[in-house]
C-alpha atoms as a PDB file:
ATOM      1  CA  MET A   1       0.000   0.000   0.000  1.00  0.00           C
ATOM      2  CA  PRO A   2       1.756   3.213  -1.129  1.00  0.00           C
ATOM      3  CA  GLU A   3       1.962   6.000   1.432  1.00  0.00           C
ATOM      4  CA  ALA A   4       3.783   9.321   1.564  1.00  0.00           C
ATOM      5  CA  GLU A   5       4.857  11.322   4.594  1.00  0.00           C
ATOM      6  CA  VAL A   6       3.360  14.734   3.883  1.00  0.00           C
ATOM      7  CA  ASN A   7       3.508  17.641   6.311  1.00  0.00           C
ATOM      8  CA  GLY A   8       3.815  15.259   9.252  1.00  0.00           C
ATOM      9  CA  ALA A   9       1.027  12.835   8.278  1.00  0.00           C
ATOM     10  CA  ARG A  10       0.915   9.565   6.348  1.00  0.00           C
ATOM     11  CA  ILE A  11      -1.115  10.037   3.162  1.00  0.00           C
ATOM     12  CA  TRP A  12      -2.383   6.989   1.257  1.00  0.00           C
ATOM     13  CA  TYR A  13      -2.376   7.210  -2.520  1.00  0.00           C
ATOM     14  CA  GLN A  14      -2.446   5.111  -5.664  1.00  0.00           C
ATOM     15  CA  ARG A  15      -1.437   5.861  -9.254  1.00  0.00           C
ATOM     16  CA  VAL A  16      -2.966   3.846 -12.059  1.00  0.00           C
ATOM     17  CA  GLY A  17      -3.296   4.174 -15.814  1.00  0.00           C
ATOM     18  CA  SER A  18      -1.093   5.958 -18.336  1.00  0.00           C
ATOM     19  CA  GLY A  19      -1.019   9.289 -20.082  1.00  0.00           C
ATOM     20  CA  PRO A  20      -1.173  12.850 -18.734  1.00  0.00           C
ATOM     21  CA  ASN A  21      -1.395  13.277 -14.971  1.00  0.00           C
ATOM     22  CA  LEU A  22      -4.821  13.637 -13.357  1.00  0.00           C
ATOM     23  CA  VAL A  23      -5.432  14.010  -9.621  1.00  0.00           C
ATOM     24  CA  GLN A  24      -8.913  13.370  -8.173  1.00  0.00           C
ATOM     25  CA  ILE A  25      -9.704  15.157  -4.904  1.00  0.00           C
ATOM     26  CA  GLY A  26     -12.168  13.365  -2.625  1.00  0.00           C
ATOM     27  CA  GLY A  27     -15.280  14.553  -0.814  1.00  0.00           C
ATOM     28  CA  ALA A  28     -16.365  15.085   2.787  1.00  0.00           C
ATOM     29  CA  VAL A  29     -17.596  11.544   3.464  1.00  0.00           C
ATOM     30  CA  SER A  30     -16.268   9.317   0.688  1.00  0.00           C
ATOM     31  CA  GLY A  31     -12.552  10.033   0.238  1.00  0.00           C
ATOM     32  CA  HIS A  32     -11.170   8.508  -2.940  1.00  0.00           C
ATOM     33  CA  GLU A  33     -14.202   6.191  -3.175  1.00  0.00           C
ATOM     34  CA  GLY A  34     -16.245   9.120  -4.469  1.00  0.00           C
ATOM     35  CA  TYR A  35     -14.739   8.507  -7.922  1.00  0.00           C
ATOM     36  CA  ALA A  36     -15.559   4.790  -8.090  1.00  0.00           C
ATOM     37  CA  THR A  37     -17.951   5.293 -11.005  1.00  0.00           C
ATOM     38  CA  VAL A  38     -15.412   7.119 -13.189  1.00  0.00           C
ATOM     39  CA  THR A  39     -11.857   6.134 -12.193  1.00  0.00           C
ATOM     40  CA  GLU A  40     -11.577   3.029 -14.384  1.00  0.00           C
ATOM     41  CA  ALA A  41     -12.563   5.034 -17.454  1.00  0.00           C
ATOM     42  CA  MET A  42     -10.135   7.816 -16.518  1.00  0.00           C
ATOM     43  CA  THR A  43      -7.233   5.349 -16.358  1.00  0.00           C
ATOM     44  CA  ARG A  44      -7.669   4.565 -20.062  1.00  0.00           C
ATOM     45  CA  HIS A  45      -6.586   8.116 -20.866  1.00  0.00           C
ATOM     46  CA  PHE A  46      -4.661   9.436 -17.856  1.00  0.00           C
ATOM     47  CA  THR A  47      -2.233   8.515 -15.107  1.00  0.00           C
ATOM     48  CA  VAL A  48      -4.736   8.890 -12.285  1.00  0.00           C
ATOM     49  CA  LEU A  49      -3.645   9.873  -8.783  1.00  0.00           C
ATOM     50  CA  ASP A  50      -6.260   8.949  -6.195  1.00  0.00           C
ATOM     51  CA  TYR A  51      -5.555   9.660  -2.547  1.00  0.00           C
ATOM     52  CA  ASP A  52      -7.293  10.142   0.784  1.00  0.00           C
ATOM     53  CA  HIS A  53      -7.013  13.471   2.564  1.00  0.00           C
ATOM     54  CA  ARG A  54      -5.409  13.493   5.956  1.00  0.00           C
ATOM     55  CA  GLY A  55      -8.219  12.572   8.339  1.00  0.00           C
ATOM     56  CA  TYR A  56      -9.975  10.342   5.794  1.00  0.00           C
ATOM     57  CA  GLY A  57     -10.054   6.782   4.533  1.00  0.00           C
ATOM     58  CA  LEU A  58      -6.712   4.996   4.495  1.00  0.00           C
ATOM     59  CA  SER A  59      -4.665   8.071   5.400  1.00  0.00           C
ATOM     60  CA  GLU A  60      -3.556   9.026   8.897  1.00  0.00           C
ATOM     61  CA  ARG A  61      -6.159  10.796  11.040  1.00  0.00           C
ATOM     62  CA  PRO A  62      -4.277  13.048  13.464  1.00  0.00           C
ATOM     63  CA  GLU A  63      -6.137  15.073  16.090  1.00  0.00           C
ATOM     64  CA  GLN A  64      -5.959  18.630  14.780  1.00  0.00           C
ATOM     65  CA  THR A  65      -8.042  21.338  13.176  1.00  0.00           C
ATOM     66  CA  TYR A  66      -8.839  20.574   9.541  1.00  0.00           C
ATOM     67  CA  GLY A  67      -9.618  22.976   6.725  1.00  0.00           C
ATOM     68  CA  LEU A  68      -9.166  23.801   3.057  1.00  0.00           C
ATOM     69  CA  ASP A  69      -5.696  25.223   3.681  1.00  0.00           C
ATOM     70  CA  VAL A  70      -4.550  21.984   5.374  1.00  0.00           C
ATOM     71  CA  TRP A  71      -5.839  19.800   2.547  1.00  0.00           C
ATOM     72  CA  SER A  72      -4.517  22.133  -0.159  1.00  0.00           C
ATOM     73  CA  ASN A  73      -1.052  22.135   1.423  1.00  0.00           C
ATOM     74  CA  ASP A  74      -1.132  18.340   1.623  1.00  0.00           C
ATOM     75  CA  LEU A  75      -1.949  18.119  -2.075  1.00  0.00           C
ATOM     76  CA  ILE A  76       1.089  20.276  -2.883  1.00  0.00           C
ATOM     77  CA  GLY A  77       3.203  18.079  -0.611  1.00  0.00           C
ATOM     78  CA  LEU A  78       1.971  14.878  -2.250  1.00  0.00           C
ATOM     79  CA  LEU A  79       2.602  16.231  -5.757  1.00  0.00           C
ATOM     80  CA  ASP A  80       6.111  17.267  -4.691  1.00  0.00           C
ATOM     81  CA  HIS A  81       6.738  13.822  -3.182  1.00  0.00           C
ATOM     82  CA  LEU A  82       5.718  12.192  -6.467  1.00  0.00           C
ATOM     83  CA  GLU A  83       7.664  14.792  -8.488  1.00  0.00           C
ATOM     84  CA  ILE A  84       4.551  15.897 -10.367  1.00  0.00           C
ATOM     85  CA  GLU A  85       5.111  19.497 -11.447  1.00  0.00           C
ATOM     86  CA  ARG A  86       1.770  19.970 -13.214  1.00  0.00           C
ATOM     87  CA  THR A  87      -1.408  17.942 -13.407  1.00  0.00           C
ATOM     88  CA  HIS A  88      -5.028  18.029 -14.434  1.00  0.00           C
ATOM     89  CA  VAL A  89      -7.147  18.507 -11.299  1.00  0.00           C
ATOM     90  CA  HIS A  90     -10.641  17.094 -10.764  1.00  0.00           C
ATOM     91  CA  GLY A  91     -12.476  17.932  -7.575  1.00  0.00           C
ATOM     92  CA  GLY A  92     -16.028  16.887  -6.756  1.00  0.00           C
ATOM     93  CA  SER A  93     -18.183  17.966  -3.792  1.00  0.00           C
ATOM     94  CA  MET A  94     -15.769  18.962  -0.977  1.00  0.00           C
ATOM     95  CA  GLY A  95     -13.033  18.045  -3.444  1.00  0.00           C
ATOM     96  CA  GLY A  96     -14.447  20.780  -5.655  1.00  0.00           C
ATOM     97  CA  PHE A  97     -14.056  23.296  -2.844  1.00  0.00           C
ATOM     98  CA  ILE A  98     -10.457  22.142  -2.341  1.00  0.00           C
ATOM     99  CA  ALA A  99      -9.782  22.211  -6.094  1.00  0.00           C
ATOM    100  CA  VAL A 100     -10.934  25.840  -6.343  1.00  0.00           C
ATOM    101  CA  TYR A 101      -8.918  26.794  -3.255  1.00  0.00           C
ATOM    102  CA  PHE A 102      -5.862  24.972  -4.635  1.00  0.00           C
ATOM    103  CA  ALA A 103      -6.121  26.421  -8.140  1.00  0.00           C
ATOM    104  CA  THR A 104      -6.511  30.006  -6.918  1.00  0.00           C
ATOM    105  CA  ARG A 105      -3.332  29.672  -4.838  1.00  0.00           C
ATOM    106  CA  HIS A 106      -1.204  27.415  -7.047  1.00  0.00           C
ATOM    107  CA  PRO A 107      -2.234  28.131 -10.654  1.00  0.00           C
ATOM    108  CA  GLU A 108       1.220  27.107 -11.894  1.00  0.00           C
ATOM    109  CA  ARG A 109       0.557  23.487 -10.855  1.00  0.00           C
ATOM    110  CA  VAL A 110      -2.730  23.053 -12.755  1.00  0.00           C
ATOM    111  CA  ASP A 111      -2.975  22.033 -16.429  1.00  0.00           C
ATOM    112  CA  ARG A 112      -6.755  21.780 -16.720  1.00  0.00           C
ATOM    113  CA  LEU A 113      -9.328  22.027 -13.955  1.00  0.00           C
ATOM    114  CA  VAL A 114     -12.663  20.249 -13.472  1.00  0.00           C
ATOM    115  CA  ILE A 115     -14.913  21.472 -10.653  1.00  0.00           C
ATOM    116  CA  GLY A 116     -18.027  19.504  -9.768  1.00  0.00           C
ATOM    117  CA  GLY A 117     -20.610  19.994  -7.045  1.00  0.00           C
ATOM    118  CA  ALA A 118     -18.991  23.014  -5.408  1.00  0.00           C
ATOM    119  CA  VAL A 119     -19.610  26.715  -4.909  1.00  0.00           C
ATOM    120  CA  ALA A 120     -17.249  29.637  -4.465  1.00  0.00           C
ATOM    121  CA  LYS A 121     -19.271  30.831  -1.466  1.00  0.00           C
ATOM    122  CA  CYS A 122     -22.189  29.242   0.367  1.00  0.00           C
ATOM    123  CA  ASP A 123     -25.454  31.104   0.682  1.00  0.00           C
ATOM    124  CA  THR A 124     -27.745  30.971   3.715  1.00  0.00           C
ATOM    125  CA  MET A 125     -29.475  27.816   2.477  1.00  0.00           C
ATOM    126  CA  ALA A 126     -26.206  25.890   2.093  1.00  0.00           C
ATOM    127  CA  ARG A 127     -24.831  27.121   5.425  1.00  0.00           C
ATOM    128  CA  ASN A 128     -28.000  25.974   7.143  1.00  0.00           C
ATOM    129  CA  GLN A 129     -27.771  22.595   5.408  1.00  0.00           C
ATOM    130  CA  PHE A 130     -24.222  22.174   6.729  1.00  0.00           C
ATOM    131  CA  ARG A 131     -25.387  23.167  10.211  1.00  0.00           C
ATOM    132  CA  GLY A 132     -28.064  20.496   9.914  1.00  0.00           C
ATOM    133  CA  TRP A 133     -25.427  17.914   8.944  1.00  0.00           C
ATOM    134  CA  LYS A 134     -23.366  18.846  11.990  1.00  0.00           C
ATOM    135  CA  ASP A 135     -26.343  18.767  14.363  1.00  0.00           C
ATOM    136  CA  VAL A 136     -27.609  15.389  13.151  1.00  0.00           C
ATOM    137  CA  ALA A 137     -24.112  13.863  13.131  1.00  0.00           C
ATOM    138  CA  SER A 138     -23.468  15.106  16.670  1.00  0.00           C
ATOM    139  CA  ALA A 139     -26.841  13.982  18.004  1.00  0.00           C
ATOM    140  CA  TYR A 140     -27.221  10.603  16.274  1.00  0.00           C
ATOM    141  CA  GLY A 141     -23.676   9.693  15.221  1.00  0.00           C
ATOM    142  CA  LEU A 142     -21.734   9.993  11.996  1.00  0.00           C
ATOM    143  CA  TYR A 143     -22.643   6.480  10.890  1.00  0.00           C
ATOM    144  CA  SER A 144     -26.333   6.726  11.795  1.00  0.00           C
ATOM    145  CA  GLU A 145     -29.246   6.093   9.486  1.00  0.00           C
ATOM    146  CA  GLU A 146     -30.542   9.539  10.410  1.00  0.00           C
ATOM    147  CA  LEU A 147     -27.477  11.308   8.995  1.00  0.00           C
ATOM    148  CA  ALA A 148     -27.267   9.047   5.946  1.00  0.00           C
ATOM    149  CA  THR A 149     -30.920   9.760   5.183  1.00  0.00           C
ATOM    150  CA  LEU A 150     -30.338  13.500   5.405  1.00  0.00           C
ATOM    151  CA  LEU A 151     -27.173  13.386   3.303  1.00  0.00           C
ATOM    152  CA  SER A 152     -28.874  11.322   0.612  1.00  0.00           C
ATOM    153  CA  THR A 153     -31.582  13.970   0.168  1.00  0.00           C
ATOM    154  CA  HIS A 154     -28.878  16.563  -0.508  1.00  0.00           C
ATOM    155  CA  ALA A 155     -26.704  14.255  -2.619  1.00  0.00           C
ATOM    156  CA  PHE A 156     -29.216  12.827  -5.090  1.00  0.00           C
ATOM    157  CA  SER A 157     -32.185  13.789  -7.190  1.00  0.00           C
ATOM    158  CA  ARG A 158     -35.762  12.783  -6.465  1.00  0.00           C
ATOM    159  CA  VAL A 159     -35.838  10.503  -9.508  1.00  0.00           C
ATOM    160  CA  TYR A 160     -32.694   8.686  -8.382  1.00  0.00           C
ATOM    161  CA  LEU A 161     -33.934   8.186  -4.817  1.00  0.00           C
ATOM    162  CA  ASP A 162     -37.334   6.927  -5.978  1.00  0.00           C
ATOM    163  CA  GLY A 163     -35.550   4.421  -8.214  1.00  0.00           C
ATOM    164  CA  SER A 164     -33.277   3.024  -5.496  1.00  0.00           C
ATOM    165  CA  ALA A 165     -35.863   1.028  -3.548  1.00  0.00           C
ATOM    166  CA  GLY A 166     -37.396   4.147  -2.075  1.00  0.00           C
ATOM    167  CA  GLY A 167     -33.996   5.555  -1.249  1.00  0.00           C
ATOM    168  CA  ALA A 168     -33.062   2.684   1.066  1.00  0.00           C
ATOM    169  CA  GLU A 169     -30.166   1.546  -1.141  1.00  0.00           C
ATOM    170  CA  ALA A 170     -28.759   5.071  -1.325  1.00  0.00           C
ATOM    171  CA  VAL A 171     -29.008   5.487   2.447  1.00  0.00           C
ATOM    172  CA  SER A 172     -27.327   2.136   3.081  1.00  0.00           C
ATOM    173  CA  ALA A 173     -24.501   2.959   0.664  1.00  0.00           C
ATOM    174  CA  MET A 174     -24.072   6.388   2.256  1.00  0.00           C
ATOM    175  CA  ARG A 175     -23.739   4.827   5.723  1.00  0.00           C
ATOM    176  CA  GLU A 176     -21.139   2.313   4.594  1.00  0.00           C
ATOM    177  CA  VAL A 177     -18.961   4.720   2.634  1.00  0.00           C
ATOM    178  CA  THR A 178     -19.040   7.155   5.566  1.00  0.00           C
ATOM    179  CA  ARG A 179     -18.109   4.386   7.991  1.00  0.00           C
ATOM    180  CA  ARG A 180     -15.067   3.445   5.908  1.00  0.00           C
ATOM    181  CA  ASN A 181     -13.814   6.934   5.256  1.00  0.00           C
ATOM    182  CA  ALA A 182     -14.769   9.562   7.813  1.00  0.00           C
ATOM    183  CA  SER A 183     -14.723  10.385  11.519  1.00  0.00           C
ATOM    184  CA  LEU A 184     -16.933  12.805  13.433  1.00  0.00           C
ATOM    185  CA  HIS A 185     -14.289  15.389  14.332  1.00  0.00           C
ATOM    186  CA  VAL A 186     -12.987  15.698  10.773  1.00  0.00           C
ATOM    187  CA  PHE A 187     -16.495  15.736   9.298  1.00  0.00           C
ATOM    188  CA  LEU A 188     -17.504  18.612  11.565  1.00  0.00           C
ATOM    189  CA  ASP A 189     -14.378  20.561  10.615  1.00  0.00           C
ATOM    190  CA  ALA A 190     -15.080  19.869   6.934  1.00  0.00           C
ATOM    191  CA  CYS A 191     -18.578  21.310   7.268  1.00  0.00           C
ATOM    192  CA  ASP A 192     -17.165  24.424   8.936  1.00  0.00           C
ATOM    193  CA  ALA A 193     -14.542  24.798   6.203  1.00  0.00           C
ATOM    194  CA  MET A 194     -17.127  24.694   3.431  1.00  0.00           C
ATOM    195  CA  MET A 195     -19.577  26.929   5.289  1.00  0.00           C
ATOM    196  CA  THR A 196     -17.003  29.692   5.667  1.00  0.00           C
ATOM    197  CA  ALA A 197     -15.131  29.361   2.345  1.00  0.00           C
ATOM    198  CA  ASP A 198     -15.219  32.378   0.069  1.00  0.00           C
ATOM    199  CA  VAL A 199     -12.938  32.354  -2.983  1.00  0.00           C
ATOM    200  CA  THR A 200     -15.071  34.610  -5.166  1.00  0.00           C
ATOM    201  CA  ALA A 201     -12.435  37.369  -5.237  1.00  0.00           C
ATOM    202  CA  ASP A 202      -9.741  34.875  -6.309  1.00  0.00           C
ATOM    203  CA  LEU A 203     -11.510  33.141  -9.195  1.00  0.00           C
ATOM    204  CA  GLY A 204      -9.933  35.461 -11.727  1.00  0.00           C
ATOM    205  CA  LYS A 205      -6.512  34.136 -10.702  1.00  0.00           C
ATOM    206  CA  ILE A 206      -7.268  30.718 -12.200  1.00  0.00           C
ATOM    207  CA  SER A 207      -5.426  30.553 -15.502  1.00  0.00           C
ATOM    208  CA  ALA A 208      -6.089  26.897 -16.355  1.00  0.00           C
ATOM    209  CA  PRO A 209      -8.859  25.964 -18.807  1.00  0.00           C
ATOM    210  CA  THR A 210     -11.751  25.103 -16.502  1.00  0.00           C
ATOM    211  CA  LEU A 211     -14.876  22.974 -16.728  1.00  0.00           C
ATOM    212  CA  VAL A 212     -17.560  23.633 -14.110  1.00  0.00           C
ATOM    213  CA  MET A 213     -20.065  20.781 -13.775  1.00  0.00           C
ATOM    214  CA  VAL A 214     -23.307  20.852 -11.806  1.00  0.00           C
ATOM    215  CA  GLY A 215     -26.437  18.741 -11.482  1.00  0.00           C
ATOM    216  CA  ALA A 216     -29.630  20.412 -12.667  1.00  0.00           C
ATOM    217  CA  GLU A 217     -31.365  19.261  -9.455  1.00  0.00           C
ATOM    218  CA  ASP A 218     -28.479  19.951  -7.077  1.00  0.00           C
ATOM    219  CA  VAL A 219     -30.091  21.446  -3.964  1.00  0.00           C
ATOM    220  CA  HIS A 220     -26.807  21.726  -2.066  1.00  0.00           C
ATOM    221  CA  THR A 221     -24.294  23.344  -4.437  1.00  0.00           C
ATOM    222  CA  PRO A 222     -26.645  24.655  -7.124  1.00  0.00           C
ATOM    223  CA  ILE A 223     -26.224  26.398 -10.426  1.00  0.00           C
ATOM    224  CA  ASP A 224     -27.443  29.617  -8.811  1.00  0.00           C
ATOM    225  CA  CYS A 225     -27.093  30.415  -5.120  1.00  0.00           C
ATOM    226  CA  GLY A 226     -28.962  33.076  -3.207  1.00  0.00           C
ATOM    227  CA  PRO A 227     -27.583  36.633  -3.358  1.00  0.00           C
ATOM    228  CA  ASP A 228     -25.177  35.971  -0.463  1.00  0.00           C
ATOM    229  CA  GLY A 229     -23.523  33.032  -2.267  1.00  0.00           C
ATOM    230  CA  ALA A 230     -21.720  32.241  -5.506  1.00  0.00           C
ATOM    231  CA  GLY A 231     -22.748  29.057  -7.306  1.00  0.00           C
ATOM    232  CA  ALA A 232     -21.632  27.211 -10.417  1.00  0.00           C
ATOM    233  CA  ARG A 233     -22.786  29.898 -12.847  1.00  0.00           C
ATOM    234  CA  VAL A 234     -20.870  32.626 -11.009  1.00  0.00           C
ATOM    235  CA  MET A 235     -17.752  30.435 -10.943  1.00  0.00           C
ATOM    236  CA  ALA A 236     -17.956  29.779 -14.675  1.00  0.00           C
ATOM    237  CA  GLU A 237     -18.499  33.468 -15.427  1.00  0.00           C
ATOM    238  CA  SER A 238     -15.660  34.568 -13.101  1.00  0.00           C
ATOM    239  CA  ILE A 239     -12.941  32.112 -14.188  1.00  0.00           C
ATOM    240  CA  PRO A 240     -11.460  33.341 -17.474  1.00  0.00           C
ATOM    241  CA  GLY A 241     -12.698  31.197 -20.365  1.00  0.00           C
ATOM    242  CA  ALA A 242     -14.452  28.650 -18.125  1.00  0.00           C
ATOM    243  CA  ARG A 243     -17.187  26.393 -19.474  1.00  0.00           C
ATOM    244  CA  LEU A 244     -20.363  25.442 -17.601  1.00  0.00           C
ATOM    245  CA  GLU A 245     -22.059  22.068 -18.133  1.00  0.00           C
ATOM    246  CA  VAL A 246     -25.361  21.159 -16.482  1.00  0.00           C
ATOM    247  CA  LEU A 247     -26.122  17.438 -16.149  1.00  0.00           C
ATOM    248  CA  LYS A 248     -29.305  15.619 -15.255  1.00  0.00           C
ATOM    249  CA  GLY A 249     -29.489  14.630 -11.600  1.00  0.00           C
ATOM    250  CA  GLY A 250     -28.432  16.060  -8.287  1.00  0.00           C
ATOM    251  CA  HIS A 251     -25.226  16.832  -6.415  1.00  0.00           C
ATOM    252  CA  GLY A 252     -23.981  13.275  -6.978  1.00  0.00           C
ATOM    253  CA  PHE A 253     -24.154  13.355 -10.755  1.00  0.00           C
ATOM    254  CA  LEU A 254     -21.043  11.163 -11.028  1.00  0.00           C
ATOM    255  CA  VAL A 255     -23.229   8.393  -9.565  1.00  0.00           C
ATOM    256  CA  GLU A 256     -26.443   9.298 -11.350  1.00  0.00           C
ATOM    257  CA  GLN A 257     -24.935  10.078 -14.762  1.00  0.00           C
ATOM    258  CA  PRO A 258     -21.533   8.334 -14.892  1.00  0.00           C
ATOM    259  CA  ASP A 259     -21.328   7.832 -18.655  1.00  0.00           C
ATOM    260  CA  GLU A 260     -22.236  11.423 -19.464  1.00  0.00           C
ATOM    261  CA  SER A 261     -19.836  12.669 -16.800  1.00  0.00           C
ATOM    262  CA  ILE A 262     -16.988  10.540 -18.138  1.00  0.00           C
ATOM    263  CA  ASP A 263     -17.513  11.738 -21.710  1.00  0.00           C
ATOM    264  CA  LEU A 264     -17.543  15.395 -20.674  1.00  0.00           C
ATOM    265  CA  ILE A 265     -14.464  15.126 -18.447  1.00  0.00           C
ATOM    266  CA  VAL A 266     -12.363  13.061 -20.850  1.00  0.00           C
ATOM    267  CA  ASN A 267     -13.168  15.194 -23.883  1.00  0.00           C
ATOM    268  CA  PHE A 268     -12.477  18.386 -21.958  1.00  0.00           C
ATOM    269  CA  LEU A 269      -9.173  17.217 -20.484  1.00  0.00           C
ATOM    270  CA  LEU A 270      -7.966  15.876 -23.814  1.00  0.00           C
ATOM    271  CA  GLY A 271      -9.118  19.003 -25.619  1.00  0.00           C
END
């Protein structure tokens, strides 16, 4: 099992495939498993770097405060360890938040950028959703059915949930992936990090060709936020030359629409 010592923590990673470098940045509950529906296809075109953030999955989980700066610095450290000077970057969900944060601070390391299921700044609705996640996780437990049920309503579309045995399959899968990859302390810090993130003023610093992807029914990181936030449309309009693609489904469009997602990502990165 490959591991790297990065900024004082052991970070698990794997590199598979061949071709240009592509790093996939995991989400707040799933770590590298969040790309299970697309990674195999990506390896046919790219040398894919999957890894778990510190605090997640197979990586070390030190007791500390976690945030976008910590995870962004770890990504730089891992790329340096592997002697990767530049790479395509794909971040989905919390990985999208980290990808934006990373690309605004280290534009020289990014070839092409794919952002999925993220916003540049949360609005009141999203902040309240994160507060609800924290409250339910603290009251019932991170691996509880109550939290998994709530998360599934923010992760998937109504059509998808109705088609997965009334949502029971989605809830069960959410519980298991959370159990394997996350812990309460880190999850709470992750919610705080996303609630307070605001990179709107830095979007113009991103020089890499950028694809912004969003689910048409995403109720968590939507195309358009309220006036206090900045959603996918604002990101695409603020990043020079960025392209916006809206897919069927919700926040978890990589699960709901894997084939369409793969085609868009591959064609964009090879463009």
